Amino acid sequence: MFRRSLAGMAAIAVAAWFCGSAAAQGFPSKQITIIVGLAPGGITDVTARIYADALSKSIGQRVVVENRAGAGGAIGAAAVQNAPPDGHTVLIFSGSQHMAVPAIQATAPYEPIKGFAPVSLLFHIATLIAVPTELPAKDLAGLWAYGKKKPGGLSFGSPGVGTPSHLMAARLAKASGTPMQYVHYRGGGPMMADLITGRVDFALSSFTAAKGQFQEKKLRALAIDAPKRWDAMADVPTLSELGYKDKVASWFGVAAPAGTPPEIVKRLSEEFVKASRDPALVKRLADNGTPIETTTPEQMAKLMAEEWRATVALVKDLDLKQK
């Protein structure tokens, strides 16, 4: 009886292996859709389309980008979580935003970890810590020192409660021990105007979003959140150089629905990594201030779990959890 049970279990395992291998060999069998949970035209959307072009050349099927904007990326994430787990629908997402929505909301339409099969880390958006040129702080240590002396602490311009920028600033405030007030705006334009005039002490911005202000010396960059210094602003140190070893924010990855066969996840990961080496893609992402960094699915799973734990702890510290 015991031998028959072992034989049955072995047969099931072999059958599952053959099914997974067959699925991987036939993949992709149709168009692949990359879902982005943000509106068209933003840096995430533009970068996803660059990846789609590169993938279409090598994977043997058309790859398209579909925007499912709304609810802080939750609509797009839910669409992928609920898609057939066959590898033909994937999500390109911001790690911090993907974790923030379910960490903050009382109920969210997706499970940030259990709902997805991690594929790979893809890129970072080089985020600059920007201050008005009139601010006396000349470096990041000077900014924290200024904030500790200023009554009420530093004022930070944020695009909204629970956004990646808000959470990143909160992490920096906690790490540096600097008191901080968060001024939340409904749009980047009003926030940038107040930053230039000194109504807020600092904000976070991509180079492309504030290129003119940096070139006209209306803003000064004190640090950059990126894996290494960026050629366009080579004199600006990275947060890592300054002692902030954790990934503070701004990483973007790709994931498939949970239940996608491991062989297909592996193939997707290999294809995205291959696309990340395409010379045209590398140049376009470098020009946009989006450094490339890829991982294995296992490394991506670890990164997502770490981001989730850090986000939940930060939301608790800030008392942002909705009742």
Protein backbone atom coordinates (compact mmCIF):
# COMPACT_ATOMS: atom_id res chain seq x y z
CA MET A 1 0.00 0.00 0.00
CA PHE A 2 2.82 2.37 0.96
CA ARG A 3 4.68 1.53 -2.26
CA ARG A 4 1.53 2.19 -4.31
CA SER A 5 1.13 5.59 -2.60
CA LEU A 6 4.72 6.51 -3.36
CA ALA A 7 4.28 5.43 -6.95
CA GLY A 8 1.13 7.53 -7.25
CA MET A 9 2.84 10.59 -5.83
CA ALA A 10 5.77 10.13 -8.19
CA ALA A 11 3.41 9.84 -11.15
CA ILE A 12 1.66 13.07 -10.19
CA ALA A 13 4.99 14.87 -9.83
CA VAL A 14 6.19 13.64 -13.22
CA ALA A 15 2.90 14.63 -14.86
CA ALA A 16 3.09 18.11 -13.32
CA TRP A 17 6.68 18.49 -14.54
CA PHE A 18 5.71 17.49 -18.08
CA CYS A 19 2.73 19.87 -18.08
CA GLY A 20 4.91 22.75 -16.90
CA SER A 21 7.60 21.96 -19.45
CA ALA A 22 5.05 21.73 -22.25
CA ALA A 23 3.53 25.06 -21.25
CA ALA A 24 6.95 26.70 -21.23
CA GLN A 25 7.88 25.25 -24.63
CA GLY A 26 4.69 26.64 -26.17
CA PHE A 27 5.09 30.05 -24.55
CA PRO A 28 4.23 32.62 -25.70
CA SER A 29 1.35 31.40 -27.82
CA LYS A 30 -0.29 34.81 -28.29
CA GLN A 31 0.15 38.53 -27.67
CA ILE A 32 1.68 39.54 -24.33
CA THR A 33 0.05 42.48 -22.54
CA ILE A 34 2.01 44.64 -20.12
CA ILE A 35 -0.40 46.42 -17.81
CA VAL A 36 0.62 49.73 -16.25
CA GLY A 37 -1.58 51.08 -13.46
CA LEU A 38 -0.86 54.70 -14.35
CA ALA A 39 -1.98 57.12 -17.05
CA PRO A 40 -0.27 57.29 -20.46
CA GLY A 41 2.64 59.67 -20.91
CA GLY A 42 4.32 59.33 -17.52
CA ILE A 43 7.81 57.93 -17.06
CA THR A 44 6.51 54.48 -16.03
CA ASP A 45 4.29 54.24 -19.09
CA VAL A 46 7.03 55.47 -21.43
CA THR A 47 9.54 53.00 -20.00
CA ALA A 48 7.07 50.10 -20.24
CA ARG A 49 6.57 50.90 -23.93
CA ILE A 50 10.34 50.90 -24.48
CA TYR A 51 10.45 47.42 -22.94
CA ALA A 52 7.50 46.29 -25.06
CA ASP A 53 9.34 47.32 -28.23
CA ALA A 54 12.49 45.45 -27.19
CA LEU A 55 10.57 42.32 -26.15
CA SER A 56 8.59 42.23 -29.39
CA LYS A 57 11.85 41.85 -31.31
CA SER A 58 13.00 38.76 -29.43
CA ILE A 59 10.09 36.88 -27.91
CA GLY A 60 8.27 35.91 -31.09
CA GLN A 61 4.95 37.60 -30.31
CA ARG A 62 3.58 41.12 -30.25
CA VAL A 63 3.97 42.86 -26.87
CA VAL A 64 1.64 45.77 -26.06
CA VAL A 65 1.13 48.14 -23.13
CA GLU A 66 -2.33 48.68 -21.68
CA ASN A 67 -2.98 51.49 -19.20
CA ARG A 68 -5.37 50.69 -16.34
CA ALA A 69 -5.03 53.93 -14.41
CA GLY A 70 -6.74 54.80 -11.16
CA ALA A 71 -6.80 54.19 -7.41
CA GLY A 72 -3.05 54.63 -7.03
CA GLY A 73 -2.26 51.74 -9.35
CA ALA A 74 -4.72 49.37 -7.68
CA ILE A 75 -6.91 48.93 -10.78
CA GLY A 76 -3.98 47.74 -12.87
CA ALA A 77 -2.62 45.49 -10.13
CA ALA A 78 -6.02 43.86 -9.59
CA ALA A 79 -6.41 43.28 -13.34
CA VAL A 80 -3.14 41.34 -13.47
CA GLN A 81 -3.79 39.44 -10.24
CA ASN A 82 -7.09 38.24 -11.70
CA ALA A 83 -5.77 37.49 -15.21
CA PRO A 84 -5.21 33.89 -16.39
CA PRO A 85 -1.89 32.68 -14.92
CA ASP A 86 -0.37 31.80 -18.27
CA GLY A 87 2.30 34.50 -18.59
CA HIS A 88 0.53 36.49 -21.29
CA THR A 89 -0.47 39.31 -18.90
CA VAL A 90 2.12 40.97 -16.67
CA LEU A 91 2.35 44.08 -14.50
CA ILE A 92 5.09 46.70 -14.52
CA PHE A 93 4.80 48.51 -11.20
CA SER A 94 6.43 50.81 -8.66
CA GLY A 95 7.49 48.77 -5.65
CA SER A 96 6.63 51.42 -3.08
CA GLN A 97 3.28 52.29 -4.63
CA HIS A 98 2.33 48.62 -5.08
CA MET A 99 2.86 48.04 -1.36
CA ALA A 100 1.47 51.37 -0.13
CA VAL A 101 -2.11 50.92 -1.38
CA PRO A 102 -2.91 47.71 0.55
CA ALA A 103 -0.79 48.85 3.51
CA ILE A 104 -2.84 52.05 3.87
CA GLN A 105 -6.34 51.14 2.69
CA ALA A 106 -8.74 49.23 4.93
CA THR A 107 -9.53 46.98 1.98
CA ALA A 108 -7.61 46.71 -1.28
CA PRO A 109 -8.55 44.86 -4.49
CA TYR A 110 -5.30 42.88 -4.64
CA GLU A 111 -2.80 40.99 -2.50
CA PRO A 112 0.61 42.64 -3.03
CA ILE A 113 2.63 39.46 -2.34
CA LYS A 114 0.31 36.44 -2.55
CA GLY A 115 -1.41 37.71 -5.70
CA PHE A 116 1.70 37.75 -7.88
CA ALA A 117 4.56 35.67 -9.25
CA PRO A 118 7.68 37.90 -9.18
CA VAL A 119 9.57 38.01 -12.48
CA SER A 120 12.39 40.57 -12.23
CA LEU A 121 13.45 43.96 -11.00
CA LEU A 122 13.71 46.23 -14.06
CA PHE A 123 14.77 49.80 -13.36
CA HIS A 124 14.89 52.71 -10.96
CA ILE A 125 13.69 56.25 -11.48
CA ALA A 126 16.56 58.45 -10.41
CA THR A 127 14.93 60.64 -7.76
CA LEU A 128 16.63 63.83 -6.64
CA ILE A 129 16.34 65.50 -3.25
CA ALA A 130 15.78 69.08 -4.38
CA VAL A 131 15.89 72.32 -2.40
CA PRO A 132 15.47 75.97 -3.41
CA THR A 133 18.83 77.57 -4.12
CA GLU A 134 18.25 80.14 -1.36
CA LEU A 135 18.10 77.43 1.31
CA PRO A 136 21.32 77.54 3.37
CA ALA A 137 21.84 73.76 3.23
CA LYS A 138 24.54 72.83 0.71
CA ASP A 139 24.42 69.06 1.28
CA LEU A 140 22.13 66.45 2.82
CA ALA A 141 23.76 66.63 6.25
CA GLY A 142 23.26 70.38 6.13
CA LEU A 143 19.57 69.91 5.30
CA TRP A 144 19.04 67.66 8.32
CA ALA A 145 20.96 70.07 10.56
CA TYR A 146 18.84 72.97 9.28
CA GLY A 147 15.65 71.00 9.95
CA LYS A 148 16.67 70.13 13.50
CA LYS A 149 17.21 73.80 14.31
CA LYS A 150 14.15 75.14 12.50
CA PRO A 151 11.00 75.47 14.66
CA GLY A 152 8.60 72.73 13.57
CA GLY A 153 11.24 71.00 11.47
CA LEU A 154 11.54 70.76 7.70
CA SER A 155 8.57 71.23 5.39
CA PHE A 156 8.35 68.62 2.64
CA GLY A 157 6.32 69.06 -0.55
CA SER A 158 4.43 65.83 -1.28
CA PRO A 159 2.16 64.88 -4.20
CA GLY A 160 -0.23 63.19 -1.77
CA VAL A 161 -0.66 61.08 1.37
CA GLY A 162 0.82 57.61 0.97
CA THR A 163 2.51 58.33 -2.35
CA PRO A 164 6.03 56.96 -2.92
CA SER A 165 7.49 60.44 -2.39
CA HIS A 166 5.67 60.84 0.93
CA LEU A 167 6.84 57.46 2.19
CA MET A 168 10.39 58.02 0.97
CA ALA A 169 10.59 61.34 2.82
CA ALA A 170 9.21 59.67 5.94
CA ARG A 171 11.92 57.00 5.74
CA LEU A 172 14.60 59.66 5.41
CA ALA A 173 13.15 61.64 8.33
CA LYS A 174 13.18 58.52 10.49
CA ALA A 175 16.71 57.52 9.46
CA SER A 176 18.14 61.00 10.04
CA GLY A 177 16.12 61.84 13.15
CA THR A 178 14.87 65.05 11.55
CA PRO A 179 11.42 66.48 12.47
CA MET A 180 9.31 66.99 9.37
CA GLN A 181 5.99 68.46 8.30
CA TYR A 182 4.33 67.07 5.18
CA VAL A 183 2.59 69.52 2.86
CA HIS A 184 0.41 67.52 0.47
CA TYR A 185 -0.47 68.89 -2.99
CA ARG A 186 -2.93 67.76 -5.64
CA GLY A 187 -0.45 68.18 -8.46
CA GLY A 188 3.23 68.49 -9.26
CA GLY A 189 2.92 72.00 -10.70
CA PRO A 190 1.77 73.80 -7.52
CA MET A 191 4.25 71.80 -5.45
CA MET A 192 7.15 72.77 -7.73
CA ALA A 193 6.11 76.44 -7.67
CA ASP A 194 6.14 76.46 -3.86
CA LEU A 195 9.49 74.68 -3.78
CA ILE A 196 11.13 77.23 -6.08
CA THR A 197 9.84 80.14 -3.99
CA GLY A 198 10.87 78.49 -0.72
CA ARG A 199 7.39 77.91 0.69
CA VAL A 200 8.50 74.32 1.30
CA ASP A 201 12.06 73.36 2.21
CA PHE A 202 12.51 70.35 -0.05
CA ALA A 203 10.83 67.88 -2.35
CA LEU A 204 11.64 64.83 -4.46
CA SER A 205 11.78 65.07 -8.22
CA SER A 206 13.06 63.22 -11.26
CA PHE A 207 15.58 65.14 -13.34
CA THR A 208 13.25 65.19 -16.35
CA ALA A 209 10.41 66.72 -14.30
CA ALA A 210 12.57 69.60 -13.04
CA LYS A 211 15.27 69.81 -15.71
CA GLY A 212 14.63 73.49 -16.45
CA GLN A 213 14.66 74.48 -12.78
CA PHE A 214 18.00 72.73 -12.21
CA GLN A 215 19.55 74.24 -15.33
CA GLU A 216 18.33 77.73 -14.40
CA LYS A 217 19.74 77.31 -10.87
CA LYS A 218 16.32 77.72 -9.28
CA LEU A 219 16.76 74.37 -7.53
CA ARG A 220 19.77 72.55 -6.13
CA ALA A 221 20.09 68.75 -5.84
CA LEU A 222 21.58 67.45 -2.59
CA ALA A 223 21.41 63.70 -3.27
CA ILE A 224 20.07 61.18 -5.74
CA ASP A 225 18.20 57.94 -5.05
CA ALA A 226 19.83 55.65 -7.63
CA PRO A 227 22.18 52.64 -7.64
CA LYS A 228 25.08 54.86 -8.76
CA ARG A 229 25.78 58.49 -9.65
CA TRP A 230 24.06 59.72 -12.76
CA ASP A 231 26.25 61.10 -15.56
CA ALA A 232 23.99 64.12 -16.10
CA MET A 233 24.56 65.21 -12.47
CA ALA A 234 27.84 63.51 -11.63
CA ASP A 235 28.60 65.80 -8.68
CA VAL A 236 25.44 64.74 -6.81
CA PRO A 237 26.10 61.83 -4.38
CA THR A 238 23.80 58.83 -4.06
CA LEU A 239 21.89 58.11 -0.88
CA SER A 240 23.90 54.90 -0.58
CA GLU A 241 27.15 56.88 -0.57
CA LEU A 242 25.73 59.02 2.23
CA GLY A 243 25.00 56.00 4.41
CA TYR A 244 21.41 55.13 3.45
CA LYS A 245 21.93 51.50 2.46
CA ASP A 246 18.31 50.41 2.08
CA LYS A 247 16.47 50.84 -1.20
CA VAL A 248 14.60 53.97 -0.23
CA ALA A 249 12.14 54.11 -3.11
CA SER A 250 11.77 54.30 -6.86
CA TRP A 251 12.40 50.72 -7.92
CA PHE A 252 10.17 49.22 -10.60
CA GLY A 253 9.64 45.57 -11.42
CA VAL A 254 7.55 43.12 -13.39
CA ALA A 255 5.30 40.36 -12.06
CA ALA A 256 2.83 37.82 -13.43
CA PRO A 257 -0.33 36.51 -11.76
CA ALA A 258 0.18 34.06 -8.90
CA GLY A 259 -0.02 30.48 -10.14
CA THR A 260 1.90 31.14 -13.35
CA PRO A 261 4.04 28.02 -13.98
CA PRO A 262 7.63 28.49 -12.75
CA GLU A 263 9.00 27.58 -16.19
CA ILE A 264 7.03 30.44 -17.76
CA VAL A 265 8.09 32.85 -15.01
CA LYS A 266 11.70 31.86 -15.68
CA ARG A 267 11.26 32.42 -19.43
CA LEU A 268 9.68 35.83 -18.81
CA SER A 269 12.52 36.78 -16.50
CA GLU A 270 15.12 35.75 -19.08
CA GLU A 271 13.36 37.74 -21.80
CA PHE A 272 13.08 40.90 -19.68
CA VAL A 273 16.74 40.60 -18.68
CA LYS A 274 17.68 40.16 -22.35
CA ALA A 275 15.61 43.21 -23.29
CA SER A 276 17.40 45.19 -20.56
CA ARG A 277 20.66 44.68 -22.49
CA ASP A 278 19.27 45.97 -25.79
CA PRO A 279 21.51 48.94 -26.75
CA ALA A 280 18.60 51.11 -27.88
CA LEU A 281 16.70 50.43 -24.64
CA VAL A 282 19.78 51.09 -22.49
CA LYS A 283 20.35 54.46 -24.17
CA ARG A 284 16.72 55.58 -23.96
CA LEU A 285 16.44 54.67 -20.28
CA ALA A 286 19.75 56.37 -19.48
CA ASP A 287 18.56 59.53 -21.24
CA ASN A 288 15.38 59.47 -19.12
CA GLY A 289 17.24 59.01 -15.83
CA THR A 290 16.04 55.44 -15.29
CA PRO A 291 19.01 53.20 -14.34
CA ILE A 292 18.56 49.50 -15.16
CA GLU A 293 18.91 46.74 -12.56
CA THR A 294 17.63 43.19 -13.10
CA THR A 295 17.23 40.17 -10.82
CA THR A 296 16.15 36.55 -10.81
CA PRO A 297 12.54 35.75 -9.82
CA GLU A 298 13.82 34.56 -6.44
CA GLN A 299 15.68 37.80 -5.80
CA MET A 300 12.64 39.78 -6.88
CA ALA A 301 10.46 37.83 -4.43
CA LYS A 302 12.85 38.72 -1.61
CA LEU A 303 12.86 42.40 -2.63
CA MET A 304 9.06 42.53 -2.70
CA ALA A 305 8.80 40.90 0.73
CA GLU A 306 11.31 43.38 2.19
CA GLU A 307 9.44 46.32 0.65
CA TRP A 308 6.15 45.06 2.07
CA ARG A 309 7.54 44.71 5.60
CA ALA A 310 9.16 48.16 5.48
CA THR A 311 6.01 49.80 4.09
CA VAL A 312 3.70 48.24 6.68
CA ALA A 313 6.02 49.36 9.49
CA LEU A 314 6.25 52.89 8.08
CA VAL A 315 2.48 53.21 7.62
CA LYS A 316 2.05 52.12 11.24
CA ASP A 317 4.62 54.69 12.43
CA LEU A 318 2.85 57.46 10.48
CA ASP A 319 -0.62 56.26 11.55
CA LEU A 320 -1.79 56.21 7.93
CA LYS A 321 -3.81 52.98 8.07
CA GLN A 322 -7.44 53.65 7.20
CA LYS A 323 -10.03 52.29 9.59
